[in-house]
Amino acid sequence: MKLTTAVVGVARLRQDARHQTDRNEAVVTRNQLDWLSQMSTNPDLAKLWTPDDMSVEEYMQLLKANQLICILSLRDRLGFVRDGQLPFYASMLMNSEVCRRYWAKFGDLRAQEAEGDTRAERFTEALNQAAQAHPREQPAAA
């Protein structure tokens, strides 16, 4: 009986640790989403962070795309994206031209951030594949 109690206790501790990890992930992502929300709606704030090679307006649009990607990432990390559904959701995001522009500009950075995290690497690869399936539109020639 003591062995059964110990096994149940260990299983409970592992489950509690997993739930705490999920809560921490949600809190960190909520902070990031709040920051992205502020940056994508406040030009004065966004101006402080805008890369030299783009306009504030473009940067704000890309931050809004990043916000959508972060939401999907959190859903995936918390297990709310069923097996096989990630490519579908990634494709839906990449149907948006602004998401493709975001990925073209910052996808490599996200891939670097994902290194060593199997789930993040899988997520990034799904977005890469979806972006490649929707080639970026070229500006019309004048």
N, C-alpha and C. Protein backbone atom coordinates (compact mmCIF):
# COMPACT_ATOMS: atom_id res chain seq x y z
N MET A 1 0.82 -1.19 0.00
CA MET A 1 0.00 0.00 0.00
C MET A 1 0.86 1.25 0.00
N LYS A 2 2.00 1.21 0.74
CA LYS A 2 2.87 2.38 0.80
C LYS A 2 3.46 2.68 -0.58
N LEU A 3 3.78 1.65 -1.36
CA LEU A 3 4.33 1.85 -2.70
C LEU A 3 3.30 2.52 -3.59
N THR A 4 2.05 2.10 -3.52
CA THR A 4 0.99 2.70 -4.32
C THR A 4 0.81 4.17 -3.94
N THR A 5 0.83 4.45 -2.66
CA THR A 5 0.69 5.83 -2.20
C THR A 5 1.85 6.69 -2.70
N ALA A 6 3.05 6.13 -2.67
CA ALA A 6 4.23 6.86 -3.15
C ALA A 6 4.13 7.13 -4.65
N VAL A 7 3.69 6.14 -5.42
CA VAL A 7 3.55 6.29 -6.87
C VAL A 7 2.51 7.36 -7.18
N VAL A 8 1.39 7.32 -6.49
CA VAL A 8 0.34 8.31 -6.69
C VAL A 8 0.85 9.70 -6.30
N GLY A 9 1.61 9.77 -5.22
CA GLY A 9 2.17 11.04 -4.77
C GLY A 9 3.14 11.63 -5.80
N VAL A 10 3.99 10.78 -6.36
CA VAL A 10 4.94 11.24 -7.39
C VAL A 10 4.19 11.69 -8.63
N ALA A 11 3.18 10.94 -9.01
CA ALA A 11 2.39 11.33 -10.19
C ALA A 11 1.71 12.67 -9.95
N ARG A 12 1.21 12.86 -8.75
CA ARG A 12 0.55 14.13 -8.41
C ARG A 12 1.54 15.29 -8.44
N LEU A 13 2.75 15.08 -7.92
CA LEU A 13 3.78 16.12 -7.97
C LEU A 13 4.15 16.48 -9.40
N ARG A 14 4.27 15.46 -10.25
CA ARG A 14 4.57 15.72 -11.67
C ARG A 14 3.44 16.51 -12.34
N GLN A 15 2.22 16.13 -12.04
CA GLN A 15 1.07 16.83 -12.61
C GLN A 15 1.04 18.28 -12.12
N ASP A 16 1.28 18.49 -10.83
CA ASP A 16 1.31 19.85 -10.29
C ASP A 16 2.42 20.68 -10.95
N ALA A 17 3.58 20.07 -11.17
CA ALA A 17 4.68 20.78 -11.82
C ALA A 17 4.31 21.14 -13.25
N ARG A 18 3.65 20.24 -13.95
CA ARG A 18 3.21 20.51 -15.33
C ARG A 18 2.20 21.66 -15.35
N HIS A 19 1.25 21.65 -14.43
CA HIS A 19 0.26 22.72 -14.37
C HIS A 19 0.92 24.06 -14.03
N GLN A 20 1.92 24.03 -13.16
CA GLN A 20 2.62 25.27 -12.83
C GLN A 20 3.38 25.80 -14.04
N THR A 21 4.00 24.90 -14.79
CA THR A 21 4.69 25.29 -16.02
C THR A 21 3.70 25.93 -17.01
N ASP A 22 2.52 25.32 -17.15
CA ASP A 22 1.50 25.88 -18.04
C ASP A 22 1.06 27.27 -17.57
N ARG A 23 0.87 27.43 -16.26
CA ARG A 23 0.48 28.75 -15.73
C ARG A 23 1.57 29.78 -15.98
N ASN A 24 2.81 29.39 -15.76
CA ASN A 24 3.93 30.31 -16.00
C ASN A 24 3.99 30.71 -17.48
N GLU A 25 3.82 29.74 -18.35
CA GLU A 25 3.82 30.00 -19.80
C GLU A 25 2.73 30.99 -20.16
N ALA A 26 1.54 30.80 -19.60
CA ALA A 26 0.42 31.69 -19.89
C ALA A 26 0.68 33.10 -19.38
N VAL A 27 1.27 33.23 -18.21
CA VAL A 27 1.56 34.55 -17.64
C VAL A 27 2.61 35.28 -18.48
N VAL A 28 3.67 34.58 -18.84
CA VAL A 28 4.71 35.20 -19.66
C VAL A 28 4.15 35.63 -21.01
N THR A 29 3.35 34.77 -21.61
CA THR A 29 2.76 35.11 -22.90
C THR A 29 1.77 36.26 -22.76
N ARG A 30 1.02 36.29 -21.69
CA ARG A 30 0.09 37.41 -21.46
C ARG A 30 0.86 38.73 -21.39
N ASN A 31 1.99 38.73 -20.71
CA ASN A 31 2.83 39.93 -20.65
C ASN A 31 3.29 40.33 -22.05
N GLN A 32 3.73 39.36 -22.82
CA GLN A 32 4.19 39.63 -24.18
C GLN A 32 3.04 40.16 -25.04
N LEU A 33 1.86 39.55 -24.92
CA LEU A 33 0.71 40.01 -25.71
C LEU A 33 0.28 41.41 -25.31
N ASP A 34 0.34 41.72 -24.03
CA ASP A 34 0.03 43.08 -23.58
C ASP A 34 1.00 44.08 -24.19
N TRP A 35 2.29 43.74 -24.17
CA TRP A 35 3.31 44.62 -24.74
C TRP A 35 3.07 44.80 -26.24
N LEU A 36 2.80 43.69 -26.95
CA LEU A 36 2.54 43.77 -28.39
C LEU A 36 1.30 44.61 -28.67
N SER A 37 0.28 44.49 -27.83
CA SER A 37 -0.93 45.28 -28.00
C SER A 37 -0.63 46.77 -27.88
N GLN A 38 0.14 47.13 -26.88
CA GLN A 38 0.52 48.54 -26.70
C GLN A 38 1.37 49.04 -27.86
N MET A 39 2.34 48.25 -28.26
CA MET A 39 3.25 48.65 -29.33
C MET A 39 2.54 48.75 -30.68
N SER A 40 1.54 47.90 -30.90
CA SER A 40 0.87 47.89 -32.20
C SER A 40 -0.24 48.93 -32.29
N THR A 41 -0.51 49.64 -31.22
CA THR A 41 -1.57 50.65 -31.23
C THR A 41 -1.09 52.04 -30.84
N ASN A 42 0.15 52.16 -30.39
CA ASN A 42 0.68 53.45 -29.93
C ASN A 42 1.91 53.82 -30.76
N PRO A 43 1.74 54.69 -31.77
CA PRO A 43 2.87 55.04 -32.64
C PRO A 43 4.06 55.64 -31.91
N ASP A 44 3.80 56.44 -30.88
CA ASP A 44 4.92 57.04 -30.13
C ASP A 44 5.77 55.98 -29.44
N LEU A 45 5.11 54.98 -28.89
CA LEU A 45 5.84 53.89 -28.24
C LEU A 45 6.53 53.01 -29.28
N ALA A 46 5.83 52.67 -30.35
CA ALA A 46 6.41 51.82 -31.39
C ALA A 46 7.63 52.48 -32.02
N LYS A 47 7.60 53.78 -32.14
CA LYS A 47 8.71 54.52 -32.75
C LYS A 47 10.03 54.25 -32.03
N LEU A 48 9.96 54.04 -30.72
CA LEU A 48 11.16 53.79 -29.93
C LEU A 48 11.85 52.47 -30.30
N TRP A 49 11.08 51.53 -30.85
CA TRP A 49 11.58 50.19 -31.12
C TRP A 49 11.65 49.85 -32.61
N THR A 50 11.14 50.73 -33.46
CA THR A 50 11.07 50.44 -34.89
C THR A 50 12.47 50.29 -35.49
N PRO A 51 12.72 49.20 -36.22
CA PRO A 51 14.02 49.04 -36.90
C PRO A 51 14.24 50.19 -37.89
N ASP A 52 15.49 50.52 -38.11
CA ASP A 52 15.85 51.64 -38.98
C ASP A 52 15.35 51.48 -40.41
N ASP A 53 15.20 50.25 -40.86
CA ASP A 53 14.84 50.02 -42.26
C ASP A 53 13.33 49.94 -42.53
N MET A 54 12.50 50.39 -41.58
CA MET A 54 11.06 50.35 -41.84
C MET A 54 10.36 51.52 -41.17
N SER A 55 9.15 51.77 -41.65
CA SER A 55 8.35 52.86 -41.08
C SER A 55 7.67 52.38 -39.79
N VAL A 56 7.27 53.32 -38.99
CA VAL A 56 6.55 53.00 -37.75
C VAL A 56 5.25 52.26 -38.08
N GLU A 57 4.55 52.72 -39.11
CA GLU A 57 3.27 52.09 -39.49
C GLU A 57 3.47 50.63 -39.88
N GLU A 58 4.53 50.36 -40.67
CA GLU A 58 4.83 48.99 -41.07
C GLU A 58 5.17 48.14 -39.84
N TYR A 59 5.98 48.68 -38.96
CA TYR A 59 6.37 47.96 -37.76
C TYR A 59 5.14 47.62 -36.91
N MET A 60 4.23 48.56 -36.77
CA MET A 60 3.02 48.32 -35.98
C MET A 60 2.18 47.21 -36.61
N GLN A 61 2.11 47.18 -37.92
CA GLN A 61 1.38 46.10 -38.60
C GLN A 61 2.04 44.75 -38.33
N LEU A 62 3.36 44.72 -38.40
CA LEU A 62 4.09 43.46 -38.17
C LEU A 62 3.93 43.00 -36.72
N LEU A 63 3.88 43.95 -35.79
CA LEU A 63 3.67 43.58 -34.39
C LEU A 63 2.29 42.96 -34.19
N LYS A 64 1.29 43.45 -34.91
CA LYS A 64 -0.05 42.87 -34.82
C LYS A 64 -0.03 41.43 -35.36
N ALA A 65 0.72 41.21 -36.45
CA ALA A 65 0.87 39.85 -36.97
C ALA A 65 1.57 38.96 -35.95
N ASN A 66 2.60 39.50 -35.30
CA ASN A 66 3.32 38.75 -34.27
C ASN A 66 2.37 38.38 -33.13
N GLN A 67 1.47 39.28 -32.80
CA GLN A 67 0.50 39.01 -31.74
C GLN A 67 -0.34 37.78 -32.09
N LEU A 68 -0.79 37.70 -33.33
CA LEU A 68 -1.58 36.52 -33.76
C LEU A 68 -0.74 35.25 -33.68
N ILE A 69 0.51 35.34 -34.09
CA ILE A 69 1.39 34.17 -34.05
C ILE A 69 1.64 33.74 -32.61
N CYS A 70 1.81 34.71 -31.71
CA CYS A 70 2.02 34.39 -30.29
C CYS A 70 0.80 33.71 -29.68
N ILE A 71 -0.38 34.15 -30.08
CA ILE A 71 -1.61 33.52 -29.58
C ILE A 71 -1.66 32.06 -30.01
N LEU A 72 -1.37 31.81 -31.29
CA LEU A 72 -1.36 30.43 -31.77
C LEU A 72 -0.27 29.62 -31.06
N SER A 73 0.88 30.22 -30.85
CA SER A 73 1.97 29.53 -30.16
C SER A 73 1.55 29.11 -28.74
N LEU A 74 0.90 30.02 -28.03
CA LEU A 74 0.44 29.68 -26.68
C LEU A 74 -0.58 28.55 -26.72
N ARG A 75 -1.53 28.65 -27.63
CA ARG A 75 -2.53 27.58 -27.75
C ARG A 75 -1.84 26.24 -28.01
N ASP A 76 -0.82 26.26 -28.87
CA ASP A 76 -0.10 25.03 -29.17
C ASP A 76 0.65 24.52 -27.94
N ARG A 77 1.36 25.41 -27.25
CA ARG A 77 2.13 25.01 -26.07
C ARG A 77 1.25 24.45 -24.96
N LEU A 78 0.04 24.97 -24.84
CA LEU A 78 -0.86 24.50 -23.79
C LEU A 78 -1.67 23.27 -24.21
N GLY A 79 -1.46 22.80 -25.44
CA GLY A 79 -2.11 21.58 -25.88
C GLY A 79 -3.49 21.79 -26.47
N PHE A 80 -3.83 23.02 -26.85
CA PHE A 80 -5.15 23.28 -27.42
C PHE A 80 -5.18 23.15 -28.94
N VAL A 81 -4.05 22.86 -29.54
CA VAL A 81 -4.00 22.58 -30.97
C VAL A 81 -3.85 21.08 -31.11
N ARG A 82 -4.87 20.45 -31.68
CA ARG A 82 -4.86 18.99 -31.81
C ARG A 82 -3.78 18.55 -32.79
N ASP A 83 -3.33 17.31 -32.62
CA ASP A 83 -2.34 16.73 -33.53
C ASP A 83 -2.82 16.90 -34.97
N GLY A 84 -1.93 17.34 -35.81
CA GLY A 84 -2.24 17.51 -37.22
C GLY A 84 -2.91 18.82 -37.58
N GLN A 85 -3.34 19.60 -36.59
CA GLN A 85 -4.03 20.86 -36.87
C GLN A 85 -3.08 22.05 -37.01
N LEU A 86 -1.85 21.94 -36.52
CA LEU A 86 -0.93 23.07 -36.58
C LEU A 86 -0.68 23.54 -38.01
N PRO A 87 -0.45 22.65 -38.97
CA PRO A 87 -0.25 23.14 -40.35
C PRO A 87 -1.47 23.91 -40.87
N PHE A 88 -2.66 23.49 -40.51
CA PHE A 88 -3.87 24.21 -40.92
C PHE A 88 -3.89 25.62 -40.34
N TYR A 89 -3.65 25.74 -39.03
CA TYR A 89 -3.66 27.06 -38.39
C TYR A 89 -2.54 27.94 -38.93
N ALA A 90 -1.36 27.36 -39.15
CA ALA A 90 -0.24 28.12 -39.70
C ALA A 90 -0.60 28.63 -41.10
N SER A 91 -1.22 27.80 -41.89
CA SER A 91 -1.64 28.20 -43.23
C SER A 91 -2.66 29.33 -43.18
N MET A 92 -3.59 29.25 -42.23
CA MET A 92 -4.58 30.31 -42.08
C MET A 92 -3.89 31.63 -41.75
N LEU A 93 -2.90 31.60 -40.87
CA LEU A 93 -2.15 32.82 -40.56
C LEU A 93 -1.43 33.35 -41.79
N MET A 94 -0.80 32.46 -42.53
CA MET A 94 -0.01 32.90 -43.68
C MET A 94 -0.87 33.27 -44.88
N ASN A 95 -2.17 33.05 -44.79
CA ASN A 95 -3.06 33.61 -45.81
C ASN A 95 -3.06 35.13 -45.73
N SER A 96 -2.67 35.65 -44.59
CA SER A 96 -2.61 37.10 -44.38
C SER A 96 -1.26 37.62 -44.88
N GLU A 97 -1.32 38.59 -45.77
CA GLU A 97 -0.09 39.17 -46.33
C GLU A 97 0.78 39.78 -45.25
N VAL A 98 0.18 40.40 -44.24
CA VAL A 98 0.98 41.02 -43.18
C VAL A 98 1.70 39.95 -42.34
N CYS A 99 1.08 38.80 -42.15
CA CYS A 99 1.76 37.71 -41.44
C CYS A 99 2.94 37.20 -42.26
N ARG A 100 2.77 37.11 -43.57
CA ARG A 100 3.90 36.69 -44.42
C ARG A 100 5.02 37.72 -44.39
N ARG A 101 4.68 39.00 -44.37
CA ARG A 101 5.71 40.05 -44.27
C ARG A 101 6.44 39.94 -42.93
N TYR A 102 5.67 39.72 -41.85
CA TYR A 102 6.29 39.55 -40.54
C TYR A 102 7.27 38.37 -40.58
N TRP A 103 6.80 37.24 -41.13
CA TRP A 103 7.63 36.04 -41.13
C TRP A 103 8.88 36.24 -41.99
N ALA A 104 8.75 36.93 -43.11
CA ALA A 104 9.90 37.20 -43.96
C ALA A 104 10.94 38.04 -43.21
N LYS A 105 10.48 38.95 -42.39
CA LYS A 105 11.39 39.85 -41.67
C LYS A 105 11.95 39.21 -40.40
N PHE A 106 11.12 38.49 -39.64
CA PHE A 106 11.52 38.03 -38.31
C PHE A 106 11.49 36.51 -38.13
N GLY A 107 11.15 35.75 -39.16
CA GLY A 107 11.08 34.30 -39.03
C GLY A 107 12.40 33.66 -38.62
N ASP A 108 13.50 34.18 -39.17
CA ASP A 108 14.82 33.63 -38.81
C ASP A 108 15.12 33.86 -37.33
N LEU A 109 14.75 35.03 -36.83
CA LEU A 109 14.94 35.32 -35.40
C LEU A 109 14.13 34.35 -34.54
N ARG A 110 12.89 34.11 -34.95
CA ARG A 110 12.06 33.17 -34.19
C ARG A 110 12.64 31.76 -34.23
N ALA A 111 13.22 31.38 -35.37
CA ALA A 111 13.86 30.06 -35.47
C ALA A 111 15.04 29.96 -34.51
N GLN A 112 15.81 31.03 -34.41
CA GLN A 112 16.94 31.04 -33.47
C GLN A 112 16.44 30.93 -32.04
N GLU A 113 15.36 31.63 -31.71
CA GLU A 113 14.78 31.56 -30.36
C GLU A 113 14.28 30.17 -30.03
N ALA A 114 13.83 29.44 -31.06
CA ALA A 114 13.24 28.12 -30.85
C ALA A 114 14.28 27.01 -30.68
N GLU A 115 15.51 27.28 -31.07
CA GLU A 115 16.54 26.23 -31.04
C GLU A 115 16.63 25.56 -29.67
N GLY A 116 16.60 24.23 -29.69
CA GLY A 116 16.72 23.46 -28.46
C GLY A 116 15.39 23.15 -27.79
N ASP A 117 14.31 23.76 -28.26
CA ASP A 117 12.97 23.51 -27.72
C ASP A 117 12.18 22.79 -28.81
N THR A 118 12.04 21.50 -28.66
CA THR A 118 11.43 20.67 -29.70
C THR A 118 10.06 21.18 -30.13
N ARG A 119 9.24 21.54 -29.17
CA ARG A 119 7.90 22.02 -29.50
C ARG A 119 7.97 23.34 -30.27
N ALA A 120 8.82 24.26 -29.82
CA ALA A 120 8.97 25.55 -30.51
C ALA A 120 9.57 25.35 -31.91
N GLU A 121 10.50 24.43 -32.04
CA GLU A 121 11.07 24.14 -33.35
C GLU A 121 10.00 23.59 -34.29
N ARG A 122 9.14 22.72 -33.80
CA ARG A 122 8.04 22.16 -34.61
C ARG A 122 7.08 23.27 -35.03
N PHE A 123 6.77 24.16 -34.10
CA PHE A 123 5.88 25.28 -34.38
C PHE A 123 6.49 26.18 -35.46
N THR A 124 7.76 26.52 -35.30
CA THR A 124 8.44 27.39 -36.26
C THR A 124 8.51 26.74 -37.63
N GLU A 125 8.77 25.46 -37.67
CA GLU A 125 8.82 24.75 -38.95
C GLU A 125 7.45 24.76 -39.64
N ALA A 126 6.39 24.61 -38.88
CA ALA A 126 5.04 24.66 -39.47
C ALA A 126 4.78 26.04 -40.08
N LEU A 127 5.20 27.09 -39.40
CA LEU A 127 5.02 28.44 -39.94
C LEU A 127 5.90 28.65 -41.17
N ASN A 128 7.13 28.15 -41.13
CA ASN A 128 8.01 28.25 -42.30
C ASN A 128 7.38 27.59 -43.51
N GLN A 129 6.88 26.38 -43.33
CA GLN A 129 6.26 25.66 -44.44
C GLN A 129 5.04 26.39 -44.96
N ALA A 130 4.22 26.92 -44.07
CA ALA A 130 3.03 27.66 -44.49
C ALA A 130 3.41 28.93 -45.24
N ALA A 131 4.45 29.62 -44.78
CA ALA A 131 4.89 30.84 -45.45
C ALA A 131 5.42 30.51 -46.85
N GLN A 132 6.15 29.42 -46.97
CA GLN A 132 6.69 29.02 -48.27
C GLN A 132 5.59 28.61 -49.24
N ALA A 133 4.50 28.09 -48.71
CA ALA A 133 3.37 27.69 -49.54
C ALA A 133 2.61 28.90 -50.07
N HIS A 134 2.81 30.05 -49.45
CA HIS A 134 2.17 31.31 -49.86
C HIS A 134 3.27 32.30 -50.20
N PRO A 135 3.82 32.20 -51.40
CA PRO A 135 4.93 33.10 -51.75
C PRO A 135 4.53 34.56 -51.59
N ARG A 136 5.48 35.31 -51.13
CA ARG A 136 5.25 36.74 -50.92
C ARG A 136 5.00 37.41 -52.27
N GLU A 137 3.97 38.24 -52.30
CA GLU A 137 3.63 38.93 -53.54
C GLU A 137 4.65 39.99 -53.85
N GLN A 138 5.01 40.08 -55.11
CA GLN A 138 5.95 41.09 -55.57
C GLN A 138 5.17 42.36 -55.92
N PRO A 139 5.74 43.56 -55.64
CA PRO A 139 5.07 44.78 -56.02
C PRO A 139 4.89 44.85 -57.54
N ALA A 140 3.79 45.42 -57.96
CA ALA A 140 3.52 45.55 -59.40
C ALA A 140 4.54 46.49 -60.03
N ALA A 141 5.01 46.14 -61.21
CA ALA A 141 5.98 46.97 -61.93
C ALA A 141 5.27 48.22 -62.46
N ALA A 142 5.96 49.35 -62.41
CA ALA A 142 5.34 50.61 -62.87
C ALA A 142 5.47 50.77 -64.36
